[in-house]
Amino acid sequence: MIRIVTIEREYGAGGAVIAEKLAARLGWKHWDAEITAEIARQAHVDQSSIERLEERVDPLFYRLMKVFMRGSYERSLPVENLDYLDCETLVTFMSRVIENVAADGNCVIVGRGAPYLLRDRSDAFHVFIYATWEEKMRRLRETGKSEKEATELLESIDHERATFVKTYFGKDWPTRQFYHLMLNSKVGDEIVIRTILGEIAALSALP
């Protein structure tokens, strides 16, 4: 029985929006910005208590953690309170939160290495959403980004995600064998969602 869906995605491919729609269709909890909020809550983050860590943050991995703690750049989630944690600490909290969310079940988790953390769970269904450059550019322009800004983000964010996964999980991004489905969002959000739901139903019907 599938109780967890993870949605990993190329930047700009619409994975975050698809995940939210999928969770609503399933009636499950949607975990995207909520993961960041839960990490901040558990970490009791405030500048004064962890300011001493700031000098030890490697600039590269600081940026990588911003990629994953934001989760969805399309929403430009503010993460000011997380600026003072180092990457190792954030990864520890992130792993703990995702594993707890998965244990509760009936959830759709966006990004943050969830397919790598949960790859051994038989009740998890892993999806990777990708798209052509033109489709990603179209979606980003619809969110109000200029062509210049969208191009810069498309050229950098997925590279940083791949570096993060390689650094903290020792795997390539994406590691194709970890996913049950890899879907091109150019076909439209509704077709992507119906395909995911159909595969989940088929797996759940197996003896």
N, C-alpha and C. Protein backbone atom coordinates (compact mmCIF):
# COMPACT_ATOMS: atom_id res chain seq x y z
N MET A 1 0.84 -1.20 0.00
CA MET A 1 0.00 0.00 0.00
C MET A 1 0.88 1.25 0.00
N ILE A 2 0.69 2.11 -0.98
CA ILE A 2 1.45 3.35 -1.08
C ILE A 2 0.87 4.37 -0.11
N ARG A 3 1.73 4.91 0.76
CA ARG A 3 1.32 5.91 1.74
C ARG A 3 2.12 7.21 1.63
N ILE A 4 3.15 7.19 0.76
CA ILE A 4 4.05 8.32 0.62
C ILE A 4 4.35 8.52 -0.86
N VAL A 5 4.28 9.76 -1.32
CA VAL A 5 4.74 10.10 -2.67
C VAL A 5 5.79 11.18 -2.53
N THR A 6 6.94 10.97 -3.15
CA THR A 6 7.94 12.03 -3.21
C THR A 6 7.97 12.58 -4.64
N ILE A 7 8.09 13.89 -4.72
CA ILE A 7 8.16 14.57 -6.02
C ILE A 7 9.49 15.29 -6.10
N GLU A 8 10.40 14.76 -6.90
CA GLU A 8 11.64 15.46 -7.21
C GLU A 8 11.45 16.07 -8.58
N ARG A 9 12.17 17.17 -8.87
CA ARG A 9 11.88 17.88 -10.10
C ARG A 9 13.04 18.72 -10.55
N GLU A 10 13.10 18.91 -11.86
CA GLU A 10 13.98 19.92 -12.40
C GLU A 10 13.40 21.29 -12.06
N TYR A 11 14.27 22.24 -11.87
CA TYR A 11 13.81 23.59 -11.58
C TYR A 11 13.01 24.12 -12.76
N GLY A 12 11.85 24.68 -12.46
CA GLY A 12 11.01 25.27 -13.48
C GLY A 12 10.05 24.31 -14.16
N ALA A 13 10.13 23.01 -13.83
CA ALA A 13 9.28 22.02 -14.49
C ALA A 13 7.89 21.93 -13.89
N GLY A 14 7.63 22.68 -12.82
CA GLY A 14 6.30 22.70 -12.24
C GLY A 14 6.04 21.63 -11.21
N GLY A 15 7.09 20.98 -10.73
CA GLY A 15 6.91 19.88 -9.79
C GLY A 15 6.24 20.29 -8.49
N ALA A 16 6.56 21.48 -8.00
CA ALA A 16 5.96 21.92 -6.74
C ALA A 16 4.46 22.11 -6.87
N VAL A 17 4.02 22.70 -7.98
CA VAL A 17 2.59 22.90 -8.22
C VAL A 17 1.89 21.56 -8.40
N ILE A 18 2.51 20.68 -9.15
CA ILE A 18 1.94 19.35 -9.38
C ILE A 18 1.81 18.60 -8.06
N ALA A 19 2.82 18.70 -7.20
CA ALA A 19 2.78 18.03 -5.91
C ALA A 19 1.61 18.53 -5.07
N GLU A 20 1.40 19.84 -5.08
CA GLU A 20 0.31 20.41 -4.29
C GLU A 20 -1.05 19.94 -4.81
N LYS A 21 -1.21 19.91 -6.11
CA LYS A 21 -2.46 19.44 -6.71
C LYS A 21 -2.66 17.95 -6.43
N LEU A 22 -1.59 17.18 -6.51
CA LEU A 22 -1.67 15.75 -6.25
C LEU A 22 -2.10 15.48 -4.81
N ALA A 23 -1.50 16.19 -3.87
CA ALA A 23 -1.85 16.02 -2.46
C ALA A 23 -3.32 16.33 -2.23
N ALA A 24 -3.81 17.40 -2.87
CA ALA A 24 -5.22 17.75 -2.73
C ALA A 24 -6.12 16.66 -3.30
N ARG A 25 -5.73 16.09 -4.43
CA ARG A 25 -6.52 15.03 -5.06
C ARG A 25 -6.56 13.79 -4.18
N LEU A 26 -5.45 13.48 -3.54
CA LEU A 26 -5.38 12.32 -2.67
C LEU A 26 -5.99 12.57 -1.29
N GLY A 27 -6.10 13.85 -0.92
CA GLY A 27 -6.53 14.18 0.43
C GLY A 27 -5.43 13.94 1.45
N TRP A 28 -4.18 14.06 0.99
CA TRP A 28 -3.02 13.81 1.84
C TRP A 28 -2.36 15.13 2.22
N LYS A 29 -1.49 15.05 3.21
CA LYS A 29 -0.73 16.21 3.66
C LYS A 29 0.34 16.57 2.63
N HIS A 30 0.45 17.86 2.34
CA HIS A 30 1.44 18.36 1.39
C HIS A 30 2.61 18.96 2.18
N TRP A 31 3.81 18.45 1.91
CA TRP A 31 5.00 18.90 2.64
C TRP A 31 5.99 19.54 1.68
N ASP A 32 6.05 20.87 1.73
CA ASP A 32 7.02 21.61 0.93
C ASP A 32 7.58 22.70 1.84
N ALA A 33 6.97 23.86 1.83
CA ALA A 33 7.38 24.90 2.78
C ALA A 33 7.23 24.43 4.21
N GLU A 34 6.28 23.51 4.43
CA GLU A 34 6.03 23.00 5.78
C GLU A 34 7.25 22.30 6.36
N ILE A 35 8.06 21.69 5.51
CA ILE A 35 9.28 21.03 5.99
C ILE A 35 10.24 22.05 6.55
N THR A 36 10.42 23.15 5.83
CA THR A 36 11.30 24.21 6.31
C THR A 36 10.81 24.75 7.65
N ALA A 37 9.51 24.98 7.76
CA ALA A 37 8.95 25.50 9.01
C ALA A 37 9.18 24.53 10.16
N GLU A 38 9.04 23.24 9.88
CA GLU A 38 9.23 22.24 10.94
C GLU A 38 10.69 22.15 11.37
N ILE A 39 11.60 22.26 10.42
CA ILE A 39 13.03 22.26 10.76
C ILE A 39 13.36 23.46 11.64
N ALA A 40 12.85 24.63 11.26
CA ALA A 40 13.10 25.83 12.06
C ALA A 40 12.55 25.66 13.47
N ARG A 41 11.36 25.05 13.56
CA ARG A 41 10.75 24.86 14.89
C ARG A 41 11.60 23.91 15.74
N GLN A 42 12.01 22.79 15.15
CA GLN A 42 12.79 21.81 15.91
C GLN A 42 14.17 22.34 16.27
N ALA A 43 14.73 23.16 15.39
CA ALA A 43 16.07 23.68 15.63
C ALA A 43 16.07 24.85 16.60
N HIS A 44 14.87 25.37 16.93
CA HIS A 44 14.77 26.54 17.79
C HIS A 44 15.72 27.63 17.29
N VAL A 45 15.63 27.90 16.00
CA VAL A 45 16.60 28.76 15.35
C VAL A 45 16.43 30.21 15.79
N ASP A 46 17.50 30.81 16.24
CA ASP A 46 17.56 32.25 16.42
C ASP A 46 19.01 32.68 16.28
N GLN A 47 19.19 33.89 15.86
CA GLN A 47 20.53 34.36 15.50
C GLN A 47 21.49 34.33 16.68
N SER A 48 21.04 34.73 17.85
CA SER A 48 21.96 34.86 18.98
C SER A 48 22.51 33.52 19.44
N SER A 49 21.70 32.46 19.37
CA SER A 49 22.13 31.18 19.91
C SER A 49 23.08 30.42 19.00
N ILE A 50 23.05 30.72 17.70
CA ILE A 50 23.89 29.95 16.77
C ILE A 50 24.79 30.84 15.92
N GLU A 51 24.93 32.08 16.32
CA GLU A 51 25.76 33.00 15.55
C GLU A 51 27.18 32.49 15.39
N ARG A 52 27.66 31.76 16.39
CA ARG A 52 29.03 31.25 16.35
C ARG A 52 29.25 30.28 15.19
N LEU A 53 28.17 29.71 14.63
CA LEU A 53 28.32 28.77 13.53
C LEU A 53 28.54 29.46 12.20
N GLU A 54 28.25 30.75 12.14
CA GLU A 54 28.21 31.42 10.86
C GLU A 54 29.56 31.39 10.14
N GLU A 55 30.63 31.54 10.85
CA GLU A 55 31.94 31.60 10.22
C GLU A 55 32.37 30.24 9.65
N ARG A 56 31.72 29.17 10.09
CA ARG A 56 32.12 27.84 9.64
C ARG A 56 31.30 27.36 8.44
N VAL A 57 30.40 28.19 7.96
CA VAL A 57 29.58 27.79 6.82
C VAL A 57 30.37 27.98 5.54
N ASP A 58 30.58 26.89 4.82
CA ASP A 58 31.25 26.95 3.53
C ASP A 58 30.32 27.68 2.55
N PRO A 59 30.80 28.72 1.87
CA PRO A 59 29.92 29.49 0.99
C PRO A 59 29.19 28.64 -0.05
N LEU A 60 29.88 27.62 -0.63
CA LEU A 60 29.25 26.79 -1.64
C LEU A 60 28.10 26.00 -1.03
N PHE A 61 28.36 25.31 0.08
CA PHE A 61 27.34 24.45 0.65
C PHE A 61 26.25 25.26 1.35
N TYR A 62 26.58 26.46 1.76
CA TYR A 62 25.55 27.38 2.24
C TYR A 62 24.53 27.62 1.13
N ARG A 63 25.02 27.87 -0.08
CA ARG A 63 24.12 28.09 -1.20
C ARG A 63 23.34 26.83 -1.54
N LEU A 64 24.01 25.67 -1.43
CA LEU A 64 23.32 24.42 -1.72
C LEU A 64 22.17 24.18 -0.75
N MET A 65 22.41 24.47 0.53
CA MET A 65 21.35 24.28 1.50
C MET A 65 20.21 25.26 1.26
N LYS A 66 20.52 26.45 0.77
CA LYS A 66 19.45 27.39 0.44
C LYS A 66 18.56 26.77 -0.65
N VAL A 67 19.18 26.07 -1.60
CA VAL A 67 18.42 25.42 -2.66
C VAL A 67 17.42 24.44 -2.07
N PHE A 68 17.88 23.60 -1.14
CA PHE A 68 17.02 22.55 -0.63
C PHE A 68 16.09 23.03 0.47
N MET A 69 16.52 24.01 1.27
CA MET A 69 15.63 24.48 2.31
C MET A 69 14.52 25.34 1.73
N ARG A 70 14.79 26.03 0.65
CA ARG A 70 13.71 26.73 -0.03
C ARG A 70 12.74 25.73 -0.62
N GLY A 71 13.28 24.58 -1.05
CA GLY A 71 12.43 23.56 -1.62
C GLY A 71 11.93 23.94 -2.99
N SER A 72 11.14 24.99 -3.06
CA SER A 72 10.57 25.42 -4.31
C SER A 72 10.92 26.88 -4.57
N TYR A 73 11.85 27.12 -5.47
CA TYR A 73 12.22 28.49 -5.80
C TYR A 73 11.05 29.24 -6.43
N GLU A 74 10.13 28.48 -7.02
CA GLU A 74 8.99 29.15 -7.64
C GLU A 74 8.22 29.97 -6.60
N ARG A 75 8.31 29.57 -5.34
CA ARG A 75 7.56 30.27 -4.30
C ARG A 75 8.45 31.24 -3.53
N SER A 76 9.75 31.21 -3.79
CA SER A 76 10.69 32.12 -3.13
C SER A 76 10.47 32.15 -1.62
N LEU A 77 10.45 30.99 -1.02
CA LEU A 77 10.21 30.88 0.42
C LEU A 77 11.30 31.59 1.20
N PRO A 78 10.96 32.53 2.08
CA PRO A 78 11.99 33.19 2.89
C PRO A 78 12.55 32.25 3.94
N VAL A 79 13.86 32.25 4.08
CA VAL A 79 14.48 31.35 5.05
C VAL A 79 15.51 32.12 5.88
N GLU A 80 15.18 33.34 6.26
CA GLU A 80 16.14 34.17 6.96
C GLU A 80 16.65 33.50 8.24
N ASN A 81 15.78 32.86 8.98
CA ASN A 81 16.17 32.29 10.25
C ASN A 81 17.10 31.09 10.10
N LEU A 82 17.21 30.57 8.87
CA LEU A 82 18.07 29.43 8.65
C LEU A 82 19.46 29.84 8.19
N ASP A 83 19.67 31.12 8.01
CA ASP A 83 20.93 31.58 7.46
C ASP A 83 22.12 31.30 8.37
N TYR A 84 21.87 31.02 9.64
CA TYR A 84 22.95 30.92 10.59
C TYR A 84 23.25 29.48 11.00
N LEU A 85 22.59 28.53 10.39
CA LEU A 85 22.89 27.13 10.65
C LEU A 85 23.91 26.63 9.62
N ASP A 86 24.78 25.71 10.04
CA ASP A 86 25.68 25.14 9.05
C ASP A 86 24.98 24.00 8.32
N CYS A 87 25.58 23.57 7.24
CA CYS A 87 24.93 22.59 6.37
C CYS A 87 24.77 21.23 7.02
N GLU A 88 25.78 20.77 7.76
CA GLU A 88 25.69 19.47 8.39
C GLU A 88 24.52 19.42 9.35
N THR A 89 24.33 20.48 10.12
CA THR A 89 23.22 20.53 11.07
C THR A 89 21.89 20.53 10.34
N LEU A 90 21.80 21.30 9.27
CA LEU A 90 20.56 21.36 8.51
C LEU A 90 20.21 20.01 7.90
N VAL A 91 21.21 19.31 7.38
CA VAL A 91 20.95 17.99 6.79
C VAL A 91 20.44 17.03 7.85
N THR A 92 20.99 17.10 9.03
CA THR A 92 20.53 16.24 10.13
C THR A 92 19.07 16.51 10.45
N PHE A 93 18.73 17.78 10.60
CA PHE A 93 17.33 18.13 10.89
C PHE A 93 16.42 17.75 9.73
N MET A 94 16.86 18.01 8.51
CA MET A 94 16.06 17.70 7.33
C MET A 94 15.75 16.21 7.26
N SER A 95 16.76 15.38 7.49
CA SER A 95 16.58 13.94 7.44
C SER A 95 15.59 13.48 8.50
N ARG A 96 15.73 14.03 9.68
CA ARG A 96 14.84 13.65 10.79
C ARG A 96 13.40 14.02 10.49
N VAL A 97 13.19 15.24 9.99
CA VAL A 97 11.83 15.68 9.70
C VAL A 97 11.20 14.83 8.61
N ILE A 98 11.94 14.56 7.53
CA ILE A 98 11.40 13.77 6.43
C ILE A 98 11.07 12.35 6.87
N GLU A 99 11.92 11.76 7.67
CA GLU A 99 11.65 10.41 8.15
C GLU A 99 10.43 10.38 9.06
N ASN A 100 10.24 11.40 9.87
CA ASN A 100 9.05 11.47 10.73
C ASN A 100 7.78 11.67 9.91
N VAL A 101 7.87 12.53 8.90
CA VAL A 101 6.73 12.75 8.02
C VAL A 101 6.35 11.44 7.32
N ALA A 102 7.35 10.72 6.83
CA ALA A 102 7.09 9.46 6.14
C ALA A 102 6.48 8.43 7.08
N ALA A 103 6.92 8.42 8.32
CA ALA A 103 6.38 7.46 9.29
C ALA A 103 4.89 7.68 9.52
N ASP A 104 4.46 8.94 9.46
CA ASP A 104 3.03 9.25 9.63
C ASP A 104 2.22 8.86 8.40
N GLY A 105 2.85 8.89 7.23
CA GLY A 105 2.20 8.46 6.00
C GLY A 105 1.19 9.44 5.45
N ASN A 106 0.52 9.01 4.35
CA ASN A 106 -0.48 9.84 3.65
C ASN A 106 0.05 11.24 3.39
N CYS A 107 1.17 11.31 2.68
CA CYS A 107 1.84 12.60 2.47
C CYS A 107 2.48 12.65 1.09
N VAL A 108 2.61 13.87 0.58
CA VAL A 108 3.36 14.16 -0.65
C VAL A 108 4.50 15.08 -0.26
N ILE A 109 5.73 14.64 -0.48
CA ILE A 109 6.92 15.37 -0.06
C ILE A 109 7.64 15.92 -1.29
N VAL A 110 7.95 17.20 -1.26
CA VAL A 110 8.61 17.85 -2.40
C VAL A 110 10.11 17.96 -2.14
N GLY A 111 10.90 17.34 -3.02
CA GLY A 111 12.33 17.53 -3.03
C GLY A 111 13.07 17.17 -1.76
N ARG A 112 14.15 17.93 -1.49
CA ARG A 112 14.95 17.83 -0.28
C ARG A 112 15.58 16.46 -0.07
N GLY A 113 15.88 15.78 -1.17
CA GLY A 113 16.55 14.49 -1.05
C GLY A 113 15.66 13.37 -0.57
N ALA A 114 14.34 13.58 -0.52
CA ALA A 114 13.44 12.55 0.02
C ALA A 114 13.54 11.20 -0.70
N PRO A 115 13.67 11.17 -2.04
CA PRO A 115 13.79 9.86 -2.69
C PRO A 115 15.04 9.09 -2.24
N TYR A 116 16.08 9.80 -1.85
CA TYR A 116 17.31 9.15 -1.40
C TYR A 116 17.16 8.70 0.05
N LEU A 117 16.54 9.53 0.87
CA LEU A 117 16.34 9.19 2.28
C LEU A 117 15.35 8.05 2.45
N LEU A 118 14.35 7.97 1.56
CA LEU A 118 13.26 7.01 1.74
C LEU A 118 13.29 5.88 0.72
N ARG A 119 14.41 5.69 0.06
CA ARG A 119 14.47 4.74 -1.05
C ARG A 119 14.21 3.30 -0.65
N ASP A 120 14.37 2.95 0.62
CA ASP A 120 14.16 1.57 1.05
C ASP A 120 12.76 1.31 1.58
N ARG A 121 11.91 2.31 1.57
CA ARG A 121 10.54 2.14 2.07
C ARG A 121 9.65 1.57 0.98
N SER A 122 9.01 0.46 1.24
CA SER A 122 8.13 -0.17 0.25
C SER A 122 6.82 0.58 0.08
N ASP A 123 6.47 1.46 1.02
CA ASP A 123 5.21 2.21 0.92
C ASP A 123 5.41 3.59 0.30
N ALA A 124 6.59 3.85 -0.27
CA ALA A 124 6.89 5.14 -0.89
C ALA A 124 6.91 4.99 -2.41
N PHE A 125 6.37 6.00 -3.09
CA PHE A 125 6.32 6.04 -4.54
C PHE A 125 7.05 7.30 -4.98
N HIS A 126 8.09 7.13 -5.80
CA HIS A 126 8.98 8.24 -6.13
C HIS A 126 8.80 8.69 -7.58
N VAL A 127 8.62 10.00 -7.76
CA VAL A 127 8.37 10.58 -9.08
C VAL A 127 9.40 11.67 -9.36
N PHE A 128 9.87 11.71 -10.60
CA PHE A 128 10.75 12.79 -11.04
C PHE A 128 10.07 13.52 -12.18
N ILE A 129 9.93 14.85 -12.02
CA ILE A 129 9.28 15.69 -13.03
C ILE A 129 10.35 16.49 -13.77
N TYR A 130 10.34 16.39 -15.10
CA TYR A 130 11.28 17.15 -15.91
C TYR A 130 10.52 17.85 -17.03
N ALA A 131 11.21 18.66 -17.80
CA ALA A 131 10.57 19.35 -18.92
C ALA A 131 11.64 19.87 -19.86
N THR A 132 11.22 20.26 -21.04
CA THR A 132 12.13 20.89 -21.98
C THR A 132 12.50 22.27 -21.47
N TRP A 133 13.59 22.81 -21.98
CA TRP A 133 14.01 24.16 -21.61
C TRP A 133 12.90 25.16 -21.92
N GLU A 134 12.27 25.02 -23.09
CA GLU A 134 11.23 25.96 -23.49
C GLU A 134 10.05 25.90 -22.53
N GLU A 135 9.67 24.71 -22.11
CA GLU A 135 8.55 24.58 -21.19
C GLU A 135 8.88 25.17 -19.82
N LYS A 136 10.09 24.92 -19.35
CA LYS A 136 10.49 25.49 -18.06
C LYS A 136 10.55 27.01 -18.14
N MET A 137 11.05 27.52 -19.24
CA MET A 137 11.10 28.97 -19.41
C MET A 137 9.68 29.54 -19.43
N ARG A 138 8.78 28.87 -20.11
CA ARG A 138 7.39 29.35 -20.17
C ARG A 138 6.78 29.41 -18.77
N ARG A 139 6.97 28.37 -17.99
CA ARG A 139 6.40 28.33 -16.64
C ARG A 139 7.01 29.43 -15.76
N LEU A 140 8.30 29.64 -15.89
CA LEU A 140 8.95 30.67 -15.07
C LEU A 140 8.51 32.07 -15.47
N ARG A 141 8.34 32.29 -16.76
CA ARG A 141 7.86 33.61 -17.21
C ARG A 141 6.46 33.87 -16.68
N GLU A 142 5.66 32.82 -16.56
CA GLU A 142 4.30 32.98 -16.03
C GLU A 142 4.31 33.34 -14.56
N THR A 143 5.39 33.03 -13.84
CA THR A 143 5.48 33.40 -12.43
C THR A 143 6.01 34.82 -12.26
N GLY A 144 6.34 35.48 -13.37
CA GLY A 144 6.78 36.87 -13.29
C GLY A 144 8.27 37.07 -13.42
N LYS A 145 9.02 36.00 -13.64
CA LYS A 145 10.47 36.14 -13.79
C LYS A 145 10.81 36.65 -15.19
N SER A 146 11.83 37.49 -15.25
CA SER A 146 12.31 37.96 -16.54
C SER A 146 13.05 36.83 -17.23
N GLU A 147 13.25 36.97 -18.54
CA GLU A 147 13.97 35.94 -19.27
C GLU A 147 15.40 35.80 -18.75
N LYS A 148 16.02 36.93 -18.43
CA LYS A 148 17.39 36.90 -17.91
C LYS A 148 17.44 36.16 -16.57
N GLU A 149 16.53 36.50 -15.67
CA GLU A 149 16.52 35.85 -14.36
C GLU A 149 16.23 34.36 -14.50
N ALA A 150 15.25 34.02 -15.32
CA ALA A 150 14.89 32.62 -15.50
C ALA A 150 16.05 31.82 -16.08
N THR A 151 16.75 32.41 -17.04
CA THR A 151 17.89 31.72 -17.66
C THR A 151 18.98 31.46 -16.62
N GLU A 152 19.29 32.46 -15.82
CA GLU A 152 20.32 32.30 -14.80
C GLU A 152 19.96 31.21 -13.80
N LEU A 153 18.69 31.16 -13.39
CA LEU A 153 18.25 30.15 -12.42
C LEU A 153 18.27 28.75 -13.05
N LEU A 154 17.80 28.65 -14.29
CA LEU A 154 17.79 27.35 -14.96
C LEU A 154 19.21 26.81 -15.15
N GLU A 155 20.16 27.69 -15.34
CA GLU A 155 21.53 27.26 -15.57
C GLU A 155 22.27 26.90 -14.28
N SER A 156 21.72 27.28 -13.13
CA SER A 156 22.47 27.08 -11.89
C SER A 156 21.81 26.15 -10.88
N ILE A 157 20.51 26.22 -10.72
CA ILE A 157 19.88 25.54 -9.58
C ILE A 157 19.98 24.03 -9.67
N ASP A 158 19.70 23.44 -10.82
CA ASP A 158 19.78 21.99 -10.91
C ASP A 158 21.21 21.49 -10.73
N HIS A 159 22.17 22.30 -11.20
CA HIS A 159 23.57 21.93 -10.96
C HIS A 159 23.86 21.91 -9.47
N GLU A 160 23.35 22.89 -8.74
CA GLU A 160 23.57 22.94 -7.30
C GLU A 160 22.86 21.79 -6.59
N ARG A 161 21.67 21.45 -7.05
CA ARG A 161 20.96 20.30 -6.47
C ARG A 161 21.77 19.03 -6.67
N ALA A 162 22.31 18.86 -7.87
CA ALA A 162 23.11 17.66 -8.15
C ALA A 162 24.34 17.60 -7.25
N THR A 163 24.97 18.76 -7.03
CA THR A 163 26.14 18.80 -6.16
C THR A 163 25.76 18.46 -4.72
N PHE A 164 24.62 18.97 -4.28
CA PHE A 164 24.14 18.68 -2.93
C PHE A 164 23.93 17.17 -2.73
N VAL A 165 23.22 16.55 -3.67
CA VAL A 165 22.93 15.11 -3.56
C VAL A 165 24.22 14.30 -3.59
N LYS A 166 25.13 14.68 -4.45
CA LYS A 166 26.40 13.96 -4.53
C LYS A 166 27.17 14.09 -3.22
N THR A 167 27.14 15.28 -2.63
CA THR A 167 27.90 15.55 -1.41
C THR A 167 27.32 14.83 -0.21
N TYR A 168 26.00 14.89 -0.04
CA TYR A 168 25.39 14.39 1.19
C TYR A 168 24.81 12.98 1.08
N PHE A 169 24.54 12.50 -0.13
CA PHE A 169 23.98 11.17 -0.29
C PHE A 169 24.87 10.26 -1.13
N GLY A 170 25.92 10.82 -1.73
CA GLY A 170 26.85 10.01 -2.50
C GLY A 170 26.25 9.44 -3.77
N LYS A 171 25.23 10.09 -4.32
CA LYS A 171 24.54 9.60 -5.51
C LYS A 171 24.47 10.68 -6.57
N ASP A 172 24.25 10.24 -7.81
CA ASP A 172 24.02 11.18 -8.89
C ASP A 172 22.60 11.72 -8.78
N TRP A 173 22.38 12.91 -9.35
CA TRP A 173 21.03 13.49 -9.39
C TRP A 173 20.66 13.79 -10.82
N PRO A 174 19.57 13.16 -11.29
CA PRO A 174 18.78 12.16 -10.58
C PRO A 174 19.37 10.76 -10.74
N THR A 175 19.22 9.93 -9.72
CA THR A 175 19.56 8.51 -9.82
C THR A 175 18.31 7.80 -10.31
N ARG A 176 18.28 7.44 -11.57
CA ARG A 176 17.05 7.01 -12.22
C ARG A 176 16.42 5.78 -11.59
N GLN A 177 17.24 4.87 -11.09
CA GLN A 177 16.66 3.64 -10.55
C GLN A 177 15.89 3.85 -9.26
N PHE A 178 15.98 5.04 -8.66
CA PHE A 178 15.24 5.32 -7.43
C PHE A 178 13.79 5.73 -7.71
N TYR A 179 13.47 6.03 -8.97
CA TYR A 179 12.15 6.58 -9.28
C TYR A 179 11.25 5.53 -9.94
N HIS A 180 9.98 5.56 -9.55
CA HIS A 180 8.99 4.70 -10.19
C HIS A 180 8.52 5.31 -11.51
N LEU A 181 8.48 6.65 -11.56
CA LEU A 181 8.06 7.36 -12.77
C LEU A 181 8.95 8.56 -12.99
N MET A 182 9.25 8.85 -14.26
CA MET A 182 9.89 10.09 -14.65
C MET A 182 9.02 10.67 -15.76
N LEU A 183 8.43 11.84 -15.51
CA LEU A 183 7.40 12.38 -16.39
C LEU A 183 7.77 13.76 -16.90
N ASN A 184 7.46 14.00 -18.17
CA ASN A 184 7.68 15.30 -18.80
C ASN A 184 6.43 16.15 -18.58
N SER A 185 6.57 17.25 -17.83
CA SER A 185 5.41 18.06 -17.50
C SER A 185 4.86 18.85 -18.68
N LYS A 186 5.55 18.80 -19.80
CA LYS A 186 5.03 19.50 -20.97
C LYS A 186 3.67 18.96 -21.40
N VAL A 187 3.37 17.71 -21.04
CA VAL A 187 2.08 17.13 -21.41
C VAL A 187 0.93 17.76 -20.62
N GLY A 188 1.26 18.51 -19.57
CA GLY A 188 0.23 19.17 -18.78
C GLY A 188 0.10 18.59 -17.39
N ASP A 189 -0.18 19.45 -16.42
CA ASP A 189 -0.26 19.01 -15.03
C ASP A 189 -1.29 17.92 -14.83
N GLU A 190 -2.45 18.06 -15.46
CA GLU A 190 -3.53 17.09 -15.23
C GLU A 190 -3.14 15.70 -15.71
N ILE A 191 -2.50 15.60 -16.86
CA ILE A 191 -2.07 14.29 -17.36
C ILE A 191 -1.01 13.70 -16.45
N VAL A 192 -0.09 14.52 -15.97
CA VAL A 192 0.94 14.05 -15.05
C VAL A 192 0.29 13.50 -13.78
N ILE A 193 -0.66 14.24 -13.23
CA ILE A 193 -1.31 13.82 -11.99
C ILE A 193 -2.10 12.54 -12.21
N ARG A 194 -2.84 12.45 -13.31
CA ARG A 194 -3.62 11.24 -13.58
C ARG A 194 -2.71 10.04 -13.77
N THR A 195 -1.55 10.24 -14.39
CA THR A 195 -0.60 9.14 -14.57
C THR A 195 -0.08 8.64 -13.23
N ILE A 196 0.28 9.57 -12.36
CA ILE A 196 0.77 9.19 -11.04
C ILE A 196 -0.31 8.43 -10.26
N LEU A 197 -1.51 8.96 -10.26
CA LEU A 197 -2.61 8.32 -9.55
C LEU A 197 -2.89 6.93 -10.10
N GLY A 198 -2.82 6.80 -11.43
CA GLY A 198 -3.06 5.49 -12.04
C GLY A 198 -2.02 4.46 -11.64
N GLU A 199 -0.76 4.88 -11.59
CA GLU A 199 0.31 3.96 -11.19
C GLU A 199 0.18 3.57 -9.73
N ILE A 200 -0.17 4.53 -8.87
CA ILE A 200 -0.35 4.23 -7.45
C ILE A 200 -1.49 3.24 -7.26
N ALA A 201 -2.60 3.47 -7.99
CA ALA A 201 -3.74 2.57 -7.88
C ALA A 201 -3.38 1.16 -8.35
N ALA A 202 -2.61 1.08 -9.44
CA ALA A 202 -2.21 -0.22 -9.95
C ALA A 202 -1.33 -0.97 -8.96
N LEU A 203 -0.39 -0.27 -8.38
CA LEU A 203 0.48 -0.91 -7.39
C LEU A 203 -0.29 -1.32 -6.15
N SER A 204 -1.23 -0.49 -5.72
CA SER A 204 -2.01 -0.81 -4.52
C SER A 204 -2.92 -2.00 -4.75
N ALA A 205 -3.28 -2.26 -6.00
CA ALA A 205 -4.17 -3.37 -6.31
C ALA A 205 -3.44 -4.71 -6.38
N LEU A 206 -2.10 -4.65 -6.42
CA LEU A 206 -1.34 -5.89 -6.51
C LEU A 206 -1.50 -6.71 -5.23
N PRO A 207 -1.54 -8.02 -5.35
CA PRO A 207 -1.67 -8.86 -4.13
C PRO A 207 -0.42 -8.81 -3.29
